[in-house]
């Protein structure tokens, strides 16, 4: 249940490599493998690991992504792990405070994805050891830095959670840009399409007709009409949702006309949008 590895991994204008420096907790290593495959990434490289890829907890936490443990490569330092990469990005939650930032100039993950798209090639995202993160020397081996939009009162995220957040942002962009056009991004959960102008116009007319046949003064009818328009259109309904609402408004309008013994209804028995 939940395993469909016959589907190819997603592709994109850039490739992604995850580099873990000094990973020490077997559970984190396994969880990162699972997170990577969840989002369609499988290039994992580790630098000076402090836990074993063969640890039982590592394999248990990796679940069906255990093949990443078999395929990962081990390196002595960041430069050797990223020698084939076009850009190397370091991650950290340790942010400098104050008006003058001397070293730790950060991007958020969404800005990082924009740069990856422009750079193309292979991008390495480097994560540091649990409890320590990347040292200043290790960050100095990276081209620029990315940080999560965590609360400044408690900014340091668990390693596997940090990997999840960064990879999610990359996959989110791939889904938004390429879903349905890439075999690895099937159109199973449809992206919400914009409201077609003609359907929006029909919804507005249906609201106007519904409000117009209701009881009360002209001012009350105008108030109901404006409230319905603002409330429904502010919610940005899809074309399909709007079509259903149009049908409901038309039926409600027809029912009101019938209840009012409307001559027009007697003649047309209408249940359509005029």
C-alpha atoms as a PDB file:
ATOM      1  CA  UNK A   1       0.000   0.000   0.000  1.00  0.00           C
ATOM      2  CA  UNK A   2       1.436   3.377  -0.971  1.00  0.00           C
ATOM      3  CA  UNK A   3       4.370   1.949  -2.968  1.00  0.00           C
ATOM      4  CA  UNK A   4       4.314   2.609  -6.730  1.00  0.00           C
ATOM      5  CA  UNK A   5       7.938   2.603  -7.771  1.00  0.00           C
ATOM      6  CA  UNK A   6       7.038   1.587 -11.311  1.00  0.00           C
ATOM      7  CA  UNK A   7       6.444   5.307 -11.912  1.00  0.00           C
ATOM      8  CA  UNK A   8       9.631   7.105 -13.047  1.00  0.00           C
ATOM      9  CA  UNK A   9      11.173   9.828 -10.924  1.00  0.00           C
ATOM     10  CA  UNK A  10      10.184  13.372 -11.897  1.00  0.00           C
ATOM     11  CA  UNK A  11      12.522  15.298 -14.145  1.00  0.00           C
ATOM     12  CA  UNK A  12      13.194  19.011 -14.280  1.00  0.00           C
ATOM     13  CA  UNK A  13      15.476  21.714 -15.598  1.00  0.00           C
ATOM     14  CA  UNK A  14      17.974  20.904 -12.825  1.00  0.00           C
ATOM     15  CA  UNK A  15      19.032  17.802 -10.886  1.00  0.00           C
ATOM     16  CA  UNK A  16      19.294  17.649  -7.107  1.00  0.00           C
ATOM     17  CA  UNK A  17      21.875  15.995  -4.893  1.00  0.00           C
ATOM     18  CA  UNK A  18      21.438  15.836  -1.114  1.00  0.00           C
ATOM     19  CA  UNK A  19      24.678  15.915   0.876  1.00  0.00           C
ATOM     20  CA  UNK A  20      24.707  15.025   4.597  1.00  0.00           C
ATOM     21  CA  UNK A  21      27.793  16.025   6.564  1.00  0.00           C
ATOM     22  CA  UNK A  22      28.512  14.037   9.728  1.00  0.00           C
ATOM     23  CA  UNK A  23      25.051  12.490  10.045  1.00  0.00           C
ATOM     24  CA  UNK A  24      25.022  10.713  13.408  1.00  0.00           C
ATOM     25  CA  UNK A  25      21.543   9.340  14.071  1.00  0.00           C
ATOM     26  CA  UNK A  26      20.554   6.160  12.184  1.00  0.00           C
ATOM     27  CA  UNK A  27      16.873   7.097  12.376  1.00  0.00           C
ATOM     28  CA  UNK A  28      17.501  10.448  10.743  1.00  0.00           C
ATOM     29  CA  UNK A  29      19.480   8.874   7.910  1.00  0.00           C
ATOM     30  CA  UNK A  30      16.692   6.399   7.232  1.00  0.00           C
ATOM     31  CA  UNK A  31      14.000   9.071   7.476  1.00  0.00           C
ATOM     32  CA  UNK A  32      15.876  11.264   4.997  1.00  0.00           C
ATOM     33  CA  UNK A  33      15.981   8.411   2.493  1.00  0.00           C
ATOM     34  CA  UNK A  34      12.219   8.080   2.807  1.00  0.00           C
ATOM     35  CA  UNK A  35      11.682  11.827   2.479  1.00  0.00           C
ATOM     36  CA  UNK A  36      13.868  11.989  -0.609  1.00  0.00           C
ATOM     37  CA  UNK A  37      11.992   9.237  -2.411  1.00  0.00           C
ATOM     38  CA  UNK A  38       8.662  10.705  -1.278  1.00  0.00           C
ATOM     39  CA  UNK A  39       9.495  13.790  -3.333  1.00  0.00           C
ATOM     40  CA  UNK A  40      11.186  11.957  -6.204  1.00  0.00           C
ATOM     41  CA  UNK A  41      14.906  12.362  -5.416  1.00  0.00           C
ATOM     42  CA  UNK A  42      17.430   9.544  -5.103  1.00  0.00           C
ATOM     43  CA  UNK A  43      20.959  11.013  -5.247  1.00  0.00           C
ATOM     44  CA  UNK A  44      22.245  10.910  -1.662  1.00  0.00           C
ATOM     45  CA  UNK A  45      25.865  11.501  -0.702  1.00  0.00           C
ATOM     46  CA  UNK A  46      27.245  11.459   2.850  1.00  0.00           C
ATOM     47  CA  UNK A  47      30.407  13.054   4.198  1.00  0.00           C
ATOM     48  CA  UNK A  48      32.206  11.564   7.211  1.00  0.00           C
ATOM     49  CA  UNK A  49      29.105   9.764   8.559  1.00  0.00           C
ATOM     50  CA  UNK A  50      28.962   8.859  12.252  1.00  0.00           C
ATOM     51  CA  UNK A  51      26.360   6.103  11.859  1.00  0.00           C
ATOM     52  CA  UNK A  52      26.132   3.023   9.686  1.00  0.00           C
ATOM     53  CA  UNK A  53      23.938   2.626   6.630  1.00  0.00           C
ATOM     54  CA  UNK A  54      23.507  -0.994   7.712  1.00  0.00           C
ATOM     55  CA  UNK A  55      22.046  -0.098  11.104  1.00  0.00           C
ATOM     56  CA  UNK A  56      18.676  -1.753  11.716  1.00  0.00           C
ATOM     57  CA  UNK A  57      16.996   1.516  12.683  1.00  0.00           C
ATOM     58  CA  UNK A  58      18.318   3.187   9.538  1.00  0.00           C
ATOM     59  CA  UNK A  59      16.745   0.548   7.316  1.00  0.00           C
ATOM     60  CA  UNK A  60      13.530   0.462   9.322  1.00  0.00           C
ATOM     61  CA  UNK A  61      13.042   4.230   9.030  1.00  0.00           C
ATOM     62  CA  UNK A  62      13.883   4.199   5.308  1.00  0.00           C
ATOM     63  CA  UNK A  63      10.984   1.787   4.672  1.00  0.00           C
ATOM     64  CA  UNK A  64      10.589   1.272   0.906  1.00  0.00           C
ATOM     65  CA  UNK A  65      13.351   3.799   0.157  1.00  0.00           C
ATOM     66  CA  UNK A  66      16.085   1.475   1.404  1.00  0.00           C
ATOM     67  CA  UNK A  67      17.588   1.305  -2.079  1.00  0.00           C
ATOM     68  CA  UNK A  68      18.957   4.815  -1.457  1.00  0.00           C
ATOM     69  CA  UNK A  69      21.048   3.328   1.347  1.00  0.00           C
ATOM     70  CA  UNK A  70      22.477   0.803  -1.108  1.00  0.00           C
ATOM     71  CA  UNK A  71      23.200   3.433  -3.759  1.00  0.00           C
ATOM     72  CA  UNK A  72      24.519   6.370  -1.685  1.00  0.00           C
ATOM     73  CA  UNK A  73      28.202   7.309  -1.855  1.00  0.00           C
ATOM     74  CA  UNK A  74      30.534   8.214   1.022  1.00  0.00           C
ATOM     75  CA  UNK A  75      33.030  11.095   0.746  1.00  0.00           C
ATOM     76  CA  UNK A  76      35.785  12.622   2.879  1.00  0.00           C
ATOM     77  CA  UNK A  77      34.706  16.243   2.415  1.00  0.00           C
ATOM     78  CA  UNK A  78      32.177  18.552   0.749  1.00  0.00           C
ATOM     79  CA  UNK A  79      34.296  19.408  -2.335  1.00  0.00           C
ATOM     80  CA  UNK A  80      34.727  15.741  -3.259  1.00  0.00           C
ATOM     81  CA  UNK A  81      31.004  15.073  -2.716  1.00  0.00           C
ATOM     82  CA  UNK A  82      30.006  17.968  -4.974  1.00  0.00           C
ATOM     83  CA  UNK A  83      32.673  17.880  -7.677  1.00  0.00           C
ATOM     84  CA  UNK A  84      30.106  17.297 -10.456  1.00  0.00           C
ATOM     85  CA  UNK A  85      27.649  19.973  -9.242  1.00  0.00           C
ATOM     86  CA  UNK A  86      27.038  23.357 -10.853  1.00  0.00           C
ATOM     87  CA  UNK A  87      26.008  24.980  -7.568  1.00  0.00           C
ATOM     88  CA  UNK A  88      26.527  24.043  -3.909  1.00  0.00           C
ATOM     89  CA  UNK A  89      24.106  25.417  -1.314  1.00  0.00           C
ATOM     90  CA  UNK A  90      24.687  25.215   2.420  1.00  0.00           C
ATOM     91  CA  UNK A  91      21.838  25.110   4.923  1.00  0.00           C
ATOM     92  CA  UNK A  92      21.690  26.520   8.433  1.00  0.00           C
ATOM     93  CA  UNK A  93      19.262  27.829  11.021  1.00  0.00           C
ATOM     94  CA  UNK A  94      21.969  29.888  12.767  1.00  0.00           C
ATOM     95  CA  UNK A  95      21.217  33.378  11.548  1.00  0.00           C
ATOM     96  CA  UNK A  96      23.167  36.523  12.333  1.00  0.00           C
ATOM     97  CA  UNK A  97      21.273  39.221  14.178  1.00  0.00           C
ATOM     98  CA  UNK A  98      21.702  42.958  13.887  1.00  0.00           C
ATOM     99  CA  UNK A  99      21.964  45.479  11.093  1.00  0.00           C
ATOM    100  CA  UNK A 100      25.294  44.282   9.665  1.00  0.00           C
ATOM    101  CA  UNK A 101      25.459  40.715   8.360  1.00  0.00           C
ATOM    102  CA  UNK A 102      29.074  39.762   7.753  1.00  0.00           C
ATOM    103  CA  UNK A 103      28.870  36.172   6.572  1.00  0.00           C
ATOM    104  CA  UNK A 104      25.543  34.415   6.819  1.00  0.00           C
ATOM    105  CA  UNK A 105      23.592  35.922   3.947  1.00  0.00           C
ATOM    106  CA  UNK A 106      20.599  33.638   3.449  1.00  0.00           C
ATOM    107  CA  UNK A 107      17.925  32.857   0.900  1.00  0.00           C
ATOM    108  CA  UNK A 108      14.598  31.208   1.620  1.00  0.00           C
ATOM    109  CA  UNK A 109      13.921  27.880  -0.154  1.00  0.00           C
ATOM    110  CA  UNK A 110      11.606  29.402  -2.780  1.00  0.00           C
ATOM    111  CA  UNK A 111      14.301  31.901  -3.808  1.00  0.00           C
ATOM    112  CA  UNK A 112      16.778  29.032  -3.938  1.00  0.00           C
ATOM    113  CA  UNK A 113      14.540  27.196  -6.411  1.00  0.00           C
ATOM    114  CA  UNK A 114      14.427  30.294  -8.624  1.00  0.00           C
ATOM    115  CA  UNK A 115      18.221  30.327  -8.737  1.00  0.00           C
ATOM    116  CA  UNK A 116      18.397  26.601  -9.440  1.00  0.00           C
ATOM    117  CA  UNK A 117      16.065  27.112 -12.393  1.00  0.00           C
ATOM    118  CA  UNK A 118      18.395  29.753 -13.808  1.00  0.00           C
ATOM    119  CA  UNK A 119      21.589  27.800 -13.079  1.00  0.00           C
ATOM    120  CA  UNK A 120      20.327  24.434 -14.353  1.00  0.00           C
ATOM    121  CA  UNK A 121      22.832  21.579 -14.161  1.00  0.00           C
ATOM    122  CA  UNK A 122      23.134  19.681 -10.861  1.00  0.00           C
ATOM    123  CA  UNK A 123      22.501  21.433  -7.563  1.00  0.00           C
ATOM    124  CA  UNK A 124      23.882  20.115  -4.266  1.00  0.00           C
ATOM    125  CA  UNK A 125      22.079  20.950  -1.027  1.00  0.00           C
ATOM    126  CA  UNK A 126      24.338  20.402   1.972  1.00  0.00           C
ATOM    127  CA  UNK A 127      23.039  19.687   5.487  1.00  0.00           C
ATOM    128  CA  UNK A 128      25.119  19.563   8.662  1.00  0.00           C
ATOM    129  CA  UNK A 129      25.289  17.205  11.612  1.00  0.00           C
ATOM    130  CA  UNK A 130      22.423  16.994  14.089  1.00  0.00           C
ATOM    131  CA  UNK A 131      22.891  19.375  16.993  1.00  0.00           C
ATOM    132  CA  UNK A 132      25.759  21.210  15.279  1.00  0.00           C
ATOM    133  CA  UNK A 133      24.887  22.072  11.718  1.00  0.00           C
ATOM    134  CA  UNK A 134      27.519  23.130   9.209  1.00  0.00           C
ATOM    135  CA  UNK A 135      30.572  24.888  10.601  1.00  0.00           C
ATOM    136  CA  UNK A 136      31.668  28.266   9.251  1.00  0.00           C
ATOM    137  CA  UNK A 137      34.466  26.476   7.395  1.00  0.00           C
ATOM    138  CA  UNK A 138      31.994  24.049   5.795  1.00  0.00           C
ATOM    139  CA  UNK A 139      29.626  26.864   4.874  1.00  0.00           C
ATOM    140  CA  UNK A 140      32.598  28.589   3.288  1.00  0.00           C
ATOM    141  CA  UNK A 141      32.829  25.672   0.843  1.00  0.00           C
ATOM    142  CA  UNK A 142      29.309  26.449  -0.401  1.00  0.00           C
ATOM    143  CA  UNK A 143      28.282  29.043  -2.978  1.00  0.00           C
ATOM    144  CA  UNK A 144      25.461  30.521  -0.909  1.00  0.00           C
ATOM    145  CA  UNK A 145      23.181  29.623   1.989  1.00  0.00           C
ATOM    146  CA  UNK A 146      19.524  28.801   2.490  1.00  0.00           C
ATOM    147  CA  UNK A 147      17.522  28.858   5.717  1.00  0.00           C
ATOM    148  CA  UNK A 148      13.991  27.820   6.595  1.00  0.00           C
ATOM    149  CA  UNK A 149      11.399  30.441   7.584  1.00  0.00           C
ATOM    150  CA  UNK A 150      11.383  29.102  11.127  1.00  0.00           C
ATOM    151  CA  UNK A 151      10.399  31.179  14.151  1.00  0.00           C
ATOM    152  CA  UNK A 152      13.405  33.117  15.398  1.00  0.00           C
ATOM    153  CA  UNK A 153      12.642  32.048  18.967  1.00  0.00           C
ATOM    154  CA  UNK A 154      13.407  28.394  18.078  1.00  0.00           C
ATOM    155  CA  UNK A 155      14.920  28.363  14.587  1.00  0.00           C
ATOM    156  CA  UNK A 156      16.826  25.059  14.480  1.00  0.00           C
ATOM    157  CA  UNK A 157      14.841  22.235  12.862  1.00  0.00           C
ATOM    158  CA  UNK A 158      15.461  18.496  13.152  1.00  0.00           C
ATOM    159  CA  UNK A 159      17.714  17.320  10.313  1.00  0.00           C
ATOM    160  CA  UNK A 160      15.152  15.096   8.594  1.00  0.00           C
ATOM    161  CA  UNK A 161      12.509  17.807   8.984  1.00  0.00           C
ATOM    162  CA  UNK A 162      14.834  20.359   7.379  1.00  0.00           C
ATOM    163  CA  UNK A 163      15.505  18.063   4.423  1.00  0.00           C
ATOM    164  CA  UNK A 164      11.765  17.509   4.076  1.00  0.00           C
ATOM    165  CA  UNK A 165      11.015  21.249   4.028  1.00  0.00           C
ATOM    166  CA  UNK A 166      13.646  22.074   1.415  1.00  0.00           C
ATOM    167  CA  UNK A 167      12.799  19.182  -0.907  1.00  0.00           C
ATOM    168  CA  UNK A 168       9.085  19.920  -0.568  1.00  0.00           C
ATOM    169  CA  UNK A 169       9.662  23.400  -1.969  1.00  0.00           C
ATOM    170  CA  UNK A 170      11.508  22.003  -4.991  1.00  0.00           C
ATOM    171  CA  UNK A 171       8.850  19.362  -5.631  1.00  0.00           C
ATOM    172  CA  UNK A 172       6.050  21.907  -5.170  1.00  0.00           C
ATOM    173  CA  UNK A 173       7.537  23.994  -7.968  1.00  0.00           C
ATOM    174  CA  UNK A 174       7.907  20.951 -10.223  1.00  0.00           C
ATOM    175  CA  UNK A 175       4.273  20.002  -9.652  1.00  0.00           C
ATOM    176  CA  UNK A 176       3.054  23.533 -10.330  1.00  0.00           C
ATOM    177  CA  UNK A 177       5.114  23.797 -13.536  1.00  0.00           C
ATOM    178  CA  UNK A 178       5.073  20.271 -14.969  1.00  0.00           C
ATOM    179  CA  UNK A 179       2.235  18.183 -13.569  1.00  0.00           C
ATOM    180  CA  UNK A 180       0.561  16.226 -16.329  1.00  0.00           C
ATOM    181  CA  UNK A 181       3.483  16.874 -18.694  1.00  0.00           C
ATOM    182  CA  UNK A 182       6.012  14.598 -16.991  1.00  0.00           C
ATOM    183  CA  UNK A 183       5.564  10.800 -16.578  1.00  0.00           C
ATOM    184  CA  UNK A 184       6.865  11.204 -13.023  1.00  0.00           C
ATOM    185  CA  UNK A 185       4.227  13.828 -12.223  1.00  0.00           C
ATOM    186  CA  UNK A 186       0.901  12.256 -13.219  1.00  0.00           C
ATOM    187  CA  UNK A 187      -2.183  14.455 -13.117  1.00  0.00           C
ATOM    188  CA  UNK A 188      -3.844  12.521 -10.280  1.00  0.00           C
ATOM    189  CA  UNK A 189      -4.686  15.478  -8.048  1.00  0.00           C
ATOM    190  CA  UNK A 190      -5.725  18.193 -10.509  1.00  0.00           C
ATOM    191  CA  UNK A 191      -4.351  21.654 -10.001  1.00  0.00           C
ATOM    192  CA  UNK A 192      -7.115  24.175  -9.446  1.00  0.00           C
ATOM    193  CA  UNK A 193      -7.825  25.795 -12.828  1.00  0.00           C
ATOM    194  CA  UNK A 194      -8.715  29.482 -13.128  1.00  0.00           C
ATOM    195  CA  UNK A 195     -12.353  30.512 -13.404  1.00  0.00           C
ATOM    196  CA  UNK A 196     -13.288  30.837 -17.070  1.00  0.00           C
ATOM    197  CA  UNK A 197     -14.526  34.376 -17.862  1.00  0.00           C
ATOM    198  CA  UNK A 198     -17.746  33.150 -19.494  1.00  0.00           C
ATOM    199  CA  UNK A 199     -18.590  31.007 -16.456  1.00  0.00           C
ATOM    200  CA  UNK A 200     -17.831  33.879 -14.103  1.00  0.00           C
ATOM    201  CA  UNK A 201     -20.221  36.085 -16.095  1.00  0.00           C
ATOM    202  CA  UNK A 202     -22.905  33.388 -15.898  1.00  0.00           C
ATOM    203  CA  UNK A 203     -22.433  33.089 -12.124  1.00  0.00           C
ATOM    204  CA  UNK A 204     -22.848  36.834 -11.702  1.00  0.00           C
ATOM    205  CA  UNK A 205     -26.046  36.796 -13.754  1.00  0.00           C
ATOM    206  CA  UNK A 206     -27.398  33.828 -11.813  1.00  0.00           C
ATOM    207  CA  UNK A 207     -26.784  35.680  -8.537  1.00  0.00           C
ATOM    208  CA  UNK A 208     -28.478  38.802  -9.881  1.00  0.00           C
ATOM    209  CA  UNK A 209     -31.566  36.879 -11.000  1.00  0.00           C
ATOM    210  CA  UNK A 210     -31.780  34.994  -7.709  1.00  0.00           C
ATOM    211  CA  UNK A 211     -31.528  38.176  -5.644  1.00  0.00           C
ATOM    212  CA  UNK A 212     -34.010  39.930  -7.923  1.00  0.00           C
ATOM    213  CA  UNK A 213     -36.890  37.520  -7.291  1.00  0.00           C
ATOM    214  CA  UNK A 214     -36.456  37.389  -3.524  1.00  0.00           C
ATOM    215  CA  UNK A 215     -38.855  39.130  -1.135  1.00  0.00           C
ATOM    216  CA  UNK A 216     -38.268  42.575   0.287  1.00  0.00           C
ATOM    217  CA  UNK A 217     -37.419  46.031  -0.919  1.00  0.00           C
ATOM    218  CA  UNK A 218     -35.113  46.940  -3.760  1.00  0.00           C
ATOM    219  CA  UNK A 219     -32.444  47.933  -1.227  1.00  0.00           C
ATOM    220  CA  UNK A 220     -32.634  44.532   0.462  1.00  0.00           C
ATOM    221  CA  UNK A 221     -32.354  42.739  -2.874  1.00  0.00           C
ATOM    222  CA  UNK A 222     -29.344  44.864  -3.810  1.00  0.00           C
ATOM    223  CA  UNK A 223     -27.701  44.082  -0.485  1.00  0.00           C
ATOM    224  CA  UNK A 224     -28.219  40.326  -0.940  1.00  0.00           C
ATOM    225  CA  UNK A 225     -26.870  40.491  -4.489  1.00  0.00           C
ATOM    226  CA  UNK A 226     -23.711  42.365  -3.510  1.00  0.00           C
ATOM    227  CA  UNK A 227     -23.067  40.139  -0.495  1.00  0.00           C
ATOM    228  CA  UNK A 228     -23.360  36.958  -2.565  1.00  0.00           C
ATOM    229  CA  UNK A 229     -21.109  38.313  -5.295  1.00  0.00           C
ATOM    230  CA  UNK A 230     -18.393  39.470  -2.921  1.00  0.00           C
ATOM    231  CA  UNK A 231     -18.485  36.345  -0.783  1.00  0.00           C
ATOM    232  CA  UNK A 232     -18.473  33.813  -3.609  1.00  0.00           C
ATOM    233  CA  UNK A 233     -16.041  35.534  -5.967  1.00  0.00           C
ATOM    234  CA  UNK A 234     -13.648  36.348  -3.127  1.00  0.00           C
ATOM    235  CA  UNK A 235     -13.357  32.600  -2.608  1.00  0.00           C
ATOM    236  CA  UNK A 236     -11.977  32.177  -6.166  1.00  0.00           C
ATOM    237  CA  UNK A 237     -14.210  29.216  -7.104  1.00  0.00           C
ATOM    238  CA  UNK A 238     -13.108  26.962  -9.942  1.00  0.00           C
ATOM    239  CA  UNK A 239     -15.029  26.667 -13.186  1.00  0.00           C
ATOM    240  CA  UNK A 240     -16.548  23.362 -12.042  1.00  0.00           C
ATOM    241  CA  UNK A 241     -17.582  24.766  -8.657  1.00  0.00           C
ATOM    242  CA  UNK A 242     -19.087  27.845 -10.293  1.00  0.00           C
ATOM    243  CA  UNK A 243     -21.062  25.722 -12.745  1.00  0.00           C
ATOM    244  CA  UNK A 244     -22.635  23.827  -9.858  1.00  0.00           C
ATOM    245  CA  UNK A 245     -23.508  27.061  -8.067  1.00  0.00           C
ATOM    246  CA  UNK A 246     -25.094  28.451 -11.235  1.00  0.00           C
ATOM    247  CA  UNK A 247     -27.359  25.405 -11.422  1.00  0.00           C
ATOM    248  CA  UNK A 248     -28.323  25.783  -7.768  1.00  0.00           C
ATOM    249  CA  UNK A 249     -29.119  29.494  -8.157  1.00  0.00           C
ATOM    250  CA  UNK A 250     -31.204  28.855 -11.299  1.00  0.00           C
ATOM    251  CA  UNK A 251     -33.221  26.144  -9.550  1.00  0.00           C
ATOM    252  CA  UNK A 252     -33.711  28.345  -6.478  1.00  0.00           C
ATOM    253  CA  UNK A 253     -34.814  31.266  -8.674  1.00  0.00           C
ATOM    254  CA  UNK A 254     -37.262  29.049 -10.508  1.00  0.00           C
ATOM    255  CA  UNK A 255     -38.657  27.748  -7.203  1.00  0.00           C
ATOM    256  CA  UNK A 256     -39.162  31.292  -5.902  1.00  0.00           C
ATOM    257  CA  UNK A 257     -40.961  32.312  -9.086  1.00  0.00           C
ATOM    258  CA  UNK A 258     -43.201  29.260  -8.809  1.00  0.00           C
ATOM    259  CA  UNK A 259     -43.987  30.040  -5.169  1.00  0.00           C
ATOM    260  CA  UNK A 260     -44.831  33.623  -6.097  1.00  0.00           C
ATOM    261  CA  UNK A 261     -47.177  32.443  -8.849  1.00  0.00           C
ATOM    262  CA  UNK A 262     -45.067  34.390 -11.329  1.00  0.00           C
ATOM    263  CA  UNK A 263     -46.654  34.774 -14.773  1.00  0.00           C
ATOM    264  CA  UNK A 264     -43.311  34.392 -16.474  1.00  0.00           C
ATOM    265  CA  UNK A 265     -42.730  31.098 -14.749  1.00  0.00           C
ATOM    266  CA  UNK A 266     -46.225  29.868 -15.747  1.00  0.00           C
ATOM    267  CA  UNK A 267     -45.455  30.642 -19.350  1.00  0.00           C
ATOM    268  CA  UNK A 268     -41.887  29.346 -19.542  1.00  0.00           C
ATOM    269  CA  UNK A 269     -41.634  26.856 -16.636  1.00  0.00           C
ATOM    270  CA  UNK A 270     -38.041  27.948 -16.773  1.00  0.00           C
ATOM    271  CA  UNK A 271     -35.074  26.348 -15.117  1.00  0.00           C
ATOM    272  CA  UNK A 272     -32.378  28.008 -17.136  1.00  0.00           C
ATOM    273  CA  UNK A 273     -30.232  31.084 -16.964  1.00  0.00           C
ATOM    274  CA  UNK A 274     -31.701  34.007 -18.841  1.00  0.00           C
END
